[in-house]
Amino acid sequence: MSEEPRGAILQRDKQTYAIVPRIPMGILTPEILEKLAEIARKYKVRIIKITSGQRIALVGLKHEDVENAWKDIEMDVGPAEGLCVHYVQACPGIETCKFGQGNSLGLAVRIEKMYVGKEGIIPAKTKFGISGCSLNCAESYVRDFGAFATPKGWNIVVGGNSGGRPRIGNVIAKGLSEEEAIELIKKCLDYYSKNANPKERMPRFIERIGVEEFKKAVL
């Protein structure tokens, strides 16, 4: 078989692939849903799966169909592998939720524009969780970087993850404005990128150097 097709993940059968279009913050439109349905029918997609990262995976594409599917779908690749920001997860926040205390979608959009799709600037796969209140519906405590809103402003969380080695993240700052939160996130990513070992996830980095050392460097 020729080289692996762009933006595709080989499946268990070693013959078919999954693709995951980028869907920022899990926000869909009727047009996107229609396009996904069109692609699924055209290429006889076996499974359409909502992922834990608020995206939709199309599973069961043939090798020769992957590139044409990407051309037809006209959406960016939502990376599921690789050393980069994989996604920025967010709840509705003050846009629709009665519990919302901060504009989680707005903050998440800014982080998306800063990092998603930019390869080579982060040492390992990285995920964000941005929640509009302390209920943390966007799982801010179990993402590499998180933020959640309170009546006093944004709290910033670092070093969380779920999966096989779960870790609850550490709150390193409280009550920040949106601009202050963005600046701190930039500092955190910059320090992490310059000091982590190759492929070292953020939670393992925090465990290795200690959260107090990390706070000294970024606060």
Protein backbone atom coordinates (compact mmCIF):
# COMPACT_ATOMS: atom_id res chain seq x y z
CA MET A 1 0.00 0.00 0.00
CA SER A 2 1.20 3.56 -0.71
CA GLU A 3 2.02 6.07 2.02
CA GLU A 4 -0.57 6.93 4.64
CA PRO A 5 -3.16 9.40 3.37
CA ARG A 6 -3.29 12.93 4.79
CA GLY A 7 -5.18 13.43 8.03
CA ALA A 8 -6.25 9.80 8.31
CA ILE A 9 -6.03 7.22 11.09
CA LEU A 10 -5.58 3.56 10.16
CA GLN A 11 -8.24 1.39 11.77
CA ARG A 12 -8.15 -2.01 13.46
CA ASP A 13 -8.77 -3.86 10.21
CA LYS A 14 -5.54 -2.38 8.74
CA GLN A 15 -7.46 -1.54 5.58
CA THR A 16 -9.74 1.40 6.29
CA TYR A 17 -9.25 4.86 7.79
CA ALA A 18 -10.99 7.44 9.94
CA ILE A 19 -10.90 11.17 9.36
CA VAL A 20 -11.76 13.82 11.94
CA PRO A 21 -12.66 17.25 10.57
CA ARG A 22 -11.87 20.21 12.76
CA ILE A 23 -15.01 21.47 14.53
CA PRO A 24 -13.95 24.35 16.82
CA MET A 25 -15.55 24.02 20.27
CA GLY A 26 -17.98 21.44 18.85
CA ILE A 27 -20.12 24.15 17.24
CA LEU A 28 -22.02 22.81 14.23
CA THR A 29 -24.23 24.39 11.58
CA PRO A 30 -26.92 22.81 9.39
CA GLU A 31 -24.52 23.17 6.45
CA ILE A 32 -21.76 21.23 8.23
CA LEU A 33 -24.19 18.47 9.21
CA GLU A 34 -25.47 18.24 5.64
CA LYS A 35 -21.92 18.05 4.31
CA LEU A 36 -20.96 15.29 6.76
CA ALA A 37 -24.04 13.29 5.80
CA GLU A 38 -23.26 13.78 2.10
CA ILE A 39 -19.68 12.52 2.55
CA ALA A 40 -20.82 9.57 4.66
CA ARG A 41 -23.26 8.44 1.98
CA LYS A 42 -20.90 9.05 -0.95
CA TYR A 43 -18.00 7.07 0.52
CA LYS A 44 -20.10 4.51 2.40
CA VAL A 45 -18.74 5.50 5.82
CA ARG A 46 -19.32 2.64 8.26
CA ILE A 47 -19.50 4.60 11.53
CA ILE A 48 -20.09 8.27 12.36
CA LYS A 49 -18.80 8.82 15.90
CA ILE A 50 -18.98 11.84 18.20
CA THR A 51 -15.61 11.98 19.95
CA SER A 52 -14.69 13.03 23.48
CA GLY A 53 -13.10 16.17 22.02
CA GLN A 54 -16.39 17.56 20.65
CA ARG A 55 -15.63 16.43 17.12
CA ILE A 56 -17.14 13.97 14.64
CA ALA A 57 -15.11 11.07 13.24
CA LEU A 58 -15.99 9.46 9.92
CA VAL A 59 -14.79 5.87 10.19
CA GLY A 60 -14.36 3.27 7.47
CA LEU A 61 -12.98 5.17 4.47
CA LYS A 62 -10.95 3.29 1.88
CA HIS A 63 -7.36 4.41 1.29
CA GLU A 64 -8.13 5.68 -2.20
CA ASP A 65 -11.13 7.71 -0.97
CA VAL A 66 -9.51 9.67 1.85
CA GLU A 67 -8.03 12.54 -0.17
CA ASN A 68 -11.19 13.00 -2.23
CA ALA A 69 -13.26 12.99 0.98
CA TRP A 70 -11.13 15.82 2.38
CA LYS A 71 -11.57 17.79 -0.84
CA ASP A 72 -15.32 17.28 -0.77
CA ILE A 73 -15.77 18.10 2.88
CA GLU A 74 -13.85 21.42 2.63
CA MET A 75 -12.92 21.44 6.32
CA ASP A 76 -9.56 21.50 8.10
CA VAL A 77 -8.08 18.39 9.68
CA GLY A 78 -8.82 18.06 13.39
CA PRO A 79 -5.58 16.41 14.53
CA ALA A 80 -6.05 13.23 16.54
CA GLU A 81 -2.33 12.42 16.50
CA GLY A 82 0.84 14.49 16.46
CA LEU A 83 2.71 17.06 18.57
CA CYS A 84 0.27 19.94 18.58
CA VAL A 85 -2.91 21.28 20.12
CA HIS A 86 -5.52 18.66 19.25
CA TYR A 87 -8.56 20.63 20.28
CA VAL A 88 -10.02 23.34 22.49
CA GLN A 89 -13.07 21.95 24.26
CA ALA A 90 -15.63 24.45 25.57
CA CYS A 91 -19.08 24.59 27.13
CA PRO A 92 -21.72 27.16 26.03
CA GLY A 93 -20.93 29.50 28.94
CA ILE A 94 -22.89 32.75 29.05
CA GLU A 95 -24.00 32.26 25.44
CA THR A 96 -26.85 29.96 26.50
CA CYS A 97 -26.26 28.33 29.90
CA LYS A 98 -28.10 29.62 32.98
CA PHE A 99 -25.05 28.77 35.11
CA GLY A 100 -22.58 30.56 32.85
CA GLN A 101 -20.36 33.17 34.49
CA GLY A 102 -17.85 33.72 31.69
CA ASN A 103 -17.65 33.75 27.91
CA SER A 104 -16.11 30.30 27.49
CA LEU A 105 -16.78 30.17 23.75
CA GLY A 106 -15.12 33.54 23.23
CA LEU A 107 -12.01 32.57 25.19
CA ALA A 108 -11.85 29.21 23.43
CA VAL A 109 -12.04 30.86 19.99
CA ARG A 110 -9.05 33.02 20.84
CA ILE A 111 -7.02 30.01 21.96
CA GLU A 112 -8.04 28.12 18.80
CA LYS A 113 -6.72 30.94 16.62
CA MET A 114 -3.44 31.07 18.55
CA TYR A 115 -2.54 27.39 18.56
CA VAL A 116 -4.72 24.92 16.67
CA GLY A 117 -3.21 23.77 13.40
CA LYS A 118 0.30 24.99 14.23
CA GLU A 119 2.72 22.08 14.24
CA GLY A 120 6.18 22.04 15.78
CA ILE A 121 5.73 24.58 18.58
CA ILE A 122 4.53 22.18 21.29
CA PRO A 123 6.46 19.08 22.48
CA ALA A 124 3.47 16.74 22.84
CA LYS A 125 -0.22 16.48 22.10
CA THR A 126 -2.08 19.11 24.07
CA LYS A 127 -5.75 19.61 24.91
CA PHE A 128 -7.63 22.58 26.36
CA GLY A 129 -10.83 22.64 28.40
CA ILE A 130 -12.59 26.01 28.81
CA SER A 131 -15.60 26.09 31.14
CA GLY A 132 -17.99 28.96 31.75
CA CYS A 133 -18.42 28.21 35.46
CA SER A 134 -17.01 26.13 38.30
CA LEU A 135 -19.15 23.11 37.34
CA ASN A 136 -16.44 22.53 34.72
CA CYS A 137 -18.59 20.88 32.07
CA ALA A 138 -15.68 21.26 29.60
CA GLU A 139 -13.51 19.14 31.90
CA SER A 140 -10.99 21.88 32.63
CA TYR A 141 -9.38 19.94 35.50
CA VAL A 142 -8.50 16.95 33.30
CA ARG A 143 -7.00 18.75 30.31
CA ASP A 144 -3.38 19.76 29.78
CA PHE A 145 -4.51 23.37 30.12
CA GLY A 146 -7.84 24.54 31.45
CA ALA A 147 -9.74 27.63 32.49
CA PHE A 148 -13.06 28.10 34.23
CA ALA A 149 -15.02 31.21 35.06
CA THR A 150 -16.09 32.40 38.51
CA PRO A 151 -17.89 35.60 39.57
CA LYS A 152 -14.43 37.09 40.17
CA GLY A 153 -12.91 36.09 36.83
CA TRP A 154 -11.02 33.21 35.19
CA ASN A 155 -9.16 30.50 37.10
CA ILE A 156 -6.32 28.83 35.20
CA VAL A 157 -5.58 25.10 35.53
CA VAL A 158 -2.48 23.25 34.33
CA GLY A 159 -1.35 19.63 34.17
CA GLY A 160 -4.58 17.67 34.09
CA ASN A 161 -5.45 14.64 32.02
CA SER A 162 -7.80 11.68 31.95
CA GLY A 163 -7.02 8.35 30.28
CA GLY A 164 -4.77 5.63 31.68
CA ARG A 165 -2.75 7.91 33.99
CA PRO A 166 -5.34 10.43 35.22
CA ARG A 167 -4.30 13.58 37.02
CA ILE A 168 -6.33 16.45 38.44
CA GLY A 169 -4.81 19.73 37.27
CA ASN A 170 -3.48 22.45 39.55
CA VAL A 171 -5.11 25.88 39.76
CA ILE A 172 -2.24 28.35 39.40
CA ALA A 173 -4.14 31.65 39.18
CA LYS A 174 -7.59 32.96 40.09
CA GLY A 175 -9.85 35.87 39.24
CA LEU A 176 -8.19 36.90 35.96
CA SER A 177 -9.70 39.03 33.23
CA GLU A 178 -9.91 37.45 29.77
CA GLU A 179 -6.82 39.38 28.65
CA GLU A 180 -4.90 38.29 31.73
CA ALA A 181 -5.97 34.69 31.15
CA ILE A 182 -4.76 34.80 27.54
CA GLU A 183 -1.39 36.26 28.56
CA LEU A 184 -0.91 33.63 31.25
CA ILE A 185 -1.81 30.81 28.87
CA LYS A 186 0.78 32.16 26.43
CA LYS A 187 3.43 32.18 29.17
CA CYS A 188 2.51 28.64 30.24
CA LEU A 189 2.69 27.26 26.70
CA ASP A 190 5.96 29.07 26.03
CA TYR A 191 7.62 27.76 29.20
CA TYR A 192 6.29 24.26 28.60
CA SER A 193 7.49 24.25 24.99
CA LYS A 194 10.99 25.38 25.93
CA ASN A 195 11.51 23.08 28.93
CA ALA A 196 9.58 19.84 28.43
CA ASN A 197 11.22 16.70 27.13
CA PRO A 198 10.27 15.53 23.63
CA LYS A 199 6.73 14.07 23.67
CA GLU A 200 6.35 14.83 27.39
CA ARG A 201 2.72 15.65 28.11
CA MET A 202 1.94 18.61 30.34
CA PRO A 203 0.82 16.53 33.36
CA ARG A 204 4.05 14.53 33.30
CA PHE A 205 6.04 17.78 32.96
CA ILE A 206 4.31 19.23 36.03
CA GLU A 207 4.95 16.03 37.99
CA ARG A 208 8.63 16.12 37.03
CA ILE A 209 9.44 19.77 37.81
CA GLY A 210 6.78 20.42 40.47
CA VAL A 211 3.87 22.84 40.27
CA GLU A 212 5.57 25.41 42.52
CA GLU A 213 8.54 25.60 40.17
CA PHE A 214 6.18 26.02 37.25
CA LYS A 215 4.31 28.82 39.04
CA LYS A 216 7.56 30.65 39.78
CA ALA A 217 8.38 30.61 36.09
CA VAL A 218 5.06 31.88 34.75
CA LEU A 219 3.51 34.08 37.43
